[in-house]
Amino acid sequence: MFQTQSSITTTEHKIGKITYIIHSSACEKVTENICKKIKKLIKKDIEQMSENIIF
C-alpha cells in the first residue's frame, strides 16, 4: 500500500503575546473541522500553562 501526499498549509494565529503556528493537511477520515481542532489545542495549551503557575 502506498500513501499519497497532500499539500501542507501553514497558518499563523496570534493570541495576545503567543503565536501559534499550525501546519495542516487534508484527510478524508477527519472527524472535526480546523476551527474545532485549533480551539481544542489552544484550550489544552492554556490548561498546561495554568498547571505551571505557582500562587
N, C-alpha and C. Protein backbone atom coordinates (compact mmCIF):
# COMPACT_ATOMS: atom_id res chain seq x y z
N MET A 1 0.85 -1.17 0.00
CA MET A 1 0.00 0.00 0.00
C MET A 1 0.90 1.23 0.00
N PHE A 2 0.54 2.25 -0.77
CA PHE A 2 1.32 3.48 -0.80
C PHE A 2 0.48 4.65 -0.30
N GLN A 3 1.17 5.69 0.12
CA GLN A 3 0.48 6.87 0.65
C GLN A 3 0.58 8.00 -0.36
N THR A 4 -0.50 8.74 -0.51
CA THR A 4 -0.46 9.92 -1.36
C THR A 4 -0.18 11.13 -0.49
N GLN A 5 0.57 12.06 -1.01
CA GLN A 5 0.89 13.26 -0.24
C GLN A 5 -0.04 14.39 -0.65
N SER A 6 -0.59 15.05 0.34
CA SER A 6 -1.41 16.22 0.06
C SER A 6 -0.61 17.45 0.43
N SER A 7 -1.01 18.59 -0.07
CA SER A 7 -0.27 19.81 0.23
C SER A 7 -0.47 20.19 1.69
N ILE A 8 0.56 20.75 2.27
CA ILE A 8 0.53 21.16 3.68
C ILE A 8 0.34 22.67 3.72
N THR A 9 -0.63 23.10 4.52
CA THR A 9 -0.92 24.52 4.70
C THR A 9 -0.38 24.96 6.05
N THR A 10 0.30 26.09 6.07
CA THR A 10 0.82 26.65 7.32
C THR A 10 0.09 27.96 7.59
N THR A 11 -0.50 28.05 8.79
CA THR A 11 -1.18 29.27 9.19
C THR A 11 -0.63 29.73 10.53
N GLU A 12 -0.71 31.01 10.77
CA GLU A 12 -0.20 31.60 12.00
C GLU A 12 -1.34 32.32 12.71
N HIS A 13 -1.56 31.98 13.97
CA HIS A 13 -2.60 32.61 14.78
C HIS A 13 -1.93 33.23 15.99
N LYS A 14 -2.15 34.53 16.19
CA LYS A 14 -1.55 35.22 17.33
C LYS A 14 -2.66 35.59 18.31
N ILE A 15 -2.49 35.15 19.55
CA ILE A 15 -3.44 35.46 20.61
C ILE A 15 -2.62 36.08 21.74
N GLY A 16 -2.82 37.36 21.97
CA GLY A 16 -2.03 38.06 22.97
C GLY A 16 -0.57 38.05 22.55
N LYS A 17 0.30 37.60 23.44
CA LYS A 17 1.73 37.56 23.13
C LYS A 17 2.18 36.20 22.61
N ILE A 18 1.23 35.27 22.44
CA ILE A 18 1.57 33.92 22.00
C ILE A 18 1.18 33.76 20.53
N THR A 19 2.12 33.26 19.74
CA THR A 19 1.87 32.99 18.33
C THR A 19 1.83 31.48 18.13
N TYR A 20 0.72 31.01 17.57
CA TYR A 20 0.56 29.59 17.27
C TYR A 20 0.79 29.40 15.77
N ILE A 21 1.69 28.50 15.41
CA ILE A 21 1.94 28.17 14.02
C ILE A 21 1.37 26.78 13.77
N ILE A 22 0.42 26.70 12.84
CA ILE A 22 -0.29 25.46 12.60
C ILE A 22 0.05 24.95 11.21
N HIS A 23 0.49 23.70 11.14
CA HIS A 23 0.74 23.02 9.87
C HIS A 23 -0.39 22.02 9.69
N SER A 24 -1.07 22.08 8.55
CA SER A 24 -2.21 21.18 8.36
C SER A 24 -2.25 20.63 6.95
N SER A 25 -2.89 19.49 6.83
CA SER A 25 -3.13 18.89 5.52
C SER A 25 -4.49 18.21 5.57
N ALA A 26 -5.06 18.01 4.43
CA ALA A 26 -6.40 17.43 4.34
C ALA A 26 -6.37 15.92 4.57
N CYS A 27 -7.43 15.40 5.17
CA CYS A 27 -7.57 13.97 5.39
C CYS A 27 -9.04 13.60 5.18
N GLU A 28 -9.27 12.52 4.48
CA GLU A 28 -10.65 12.10 4.21
C GLU A 28 -11.35 11.54 5.44
N LYS A 29 -10.58 11.11 6.45
CA LYS A 29 -11.16 10.49 7.64
C LYS A 29 -11.32 11.47 8.79
N VAL A 30 -11.27 12.75 8.53
CA VAL A 30 -11.34 13.77 9.57
C VAL A 30 -12.70 13.74 10.27
N THR A 31 -12.68 13.96 11.61
CA THR A 31 -13.93 13.96 12.37
C THR A 31 -14.26 15.33 12.94
N GLU A 32 -13.33 16.30 12.84
CA GLU A 32 -13.60 17.66 13.32
C GLU A 32 -12.99 18.65 12.35
N ASN A 33 -13.58 19.85 12.28
CA ASN A 33 -13.03 20.84 11.36
C ASN A 33 -11.85 21.57 12.01
N ILE A 34 -11.18 22.38 11.23
CA ILE A 34 -9.96 23.04 11.69
C ILE A 34 -10.23 23.99 12.85
N CYS A 35 -11.35 24.67 12.85
CA CYS A 35 -11.66 25.60 13.95
C CYS A 35 -11.79 24.86 15.28
N LYS A 36 -12.50 23.73 15.27
CA LYS A 36 -12.64 22.93 16.50
C LYS A 36 -11.29 22.41 16.96
N LYS A 37 -10.45 21.98 16.00
CA LYS A 37 -9.14 21.44 16.34
C LYS A 37 -8.26 22.51 16.97
N ILE A 38 -8.24 23.70 16.38
CA ILE A 38 -7.42 24.80 16.91
C ILE A 38 -7.89 25.19 18.31
N LYS A 39 -9.20 25.29 18.50
CA LYS A 39 -9.73 25.64 19.82
C LYS A 39 -9.33 24.59 20.86
N LYS A 40 -9.39 23.31 20.48
CA LYS A 40 -9.02 22.24 21.39
C LYS A 40 -7.53 22.31 21.74
N LEU A 41 -6.68 22.59 20.75
CA LEU A 41 -5.25 22.70 21.00
C LEU A 41 -4.92 23.89 21.90
N ILE A 42 -5.58 25.02 21.65
CA ILE A 42 -5.35 26.21 22.48
C ILE A 42 -5.82 25.96 23.90
N LYS A 43 -6.99 25.35 24.06
CA LYS A 43 -7.51 25.04 25.39
C LYS A 43 -6.54 24.14 26.15
N LYS A 44 -6.01 23.12 25.48
CA LYS A 44 -5.05 22.21 26.11
C LYS A 44 -3.79 22.97 26.52
N ASP A 45 -3.33 23.87 25.66
CA ASP A 45 -2.13 24.65 25.95
C ASP A 45 -2.37 25.56 27.16
N ILE A 46 -3.53 26.20 27.24
CA ILE A 46 -3.86 27.07 28.37
C ILE A 46 -3.94 26.27 29.66
N GLU A 47 -4.54 25.09 29.59
CA GLU A 47 -4.64 24.24 30.79
C GLU A 47 -3.25 23.83 31.28
N GLN A 48 -2.35 23.50 30.35
CA GLN A 48 -0.99 23.13 30.74
C GLN A 48 -0.25 24.32 31.33
N MET A 49 -0.46 25.51 30.79
CA MET A 49 0.19 26.70 31.31
C MET A 49 -0.32 27.03 32.70
N SER A 50 -1.62 26.85 32.92
CA SER A 50 -2.19 27.18 34.24
C SER A 50 -1.74 26.20 35.31
N GLU A 51 -1.40 24.96 34.92
CA GLU A 51 -0.89 23.99 35.89
C GLU A 51 0.51 24.39 36.37
N ASN A 52 1.23 25.15 35.57
CA ASN A 52 2.59 25.54 35.91
C ASN A 52 2.67 26.84 36.70
N ILE A 53 1.53 27.51 36.89
CA ILE A 53 1.52 28.77 37.63
C ILE A 53 1.53 28.47 39.13
N ILE A 54 2.45 29.12 39.84
CA ILE A 54 2.55 28.94 41.28
C ILE A 54 1.99 30.19 41.95
N PHE A 55 1.05 29.98 42.85
CA PHE A 55 0.43 31.12 43.56
C PHE A 55 1.11 31.36 44.87
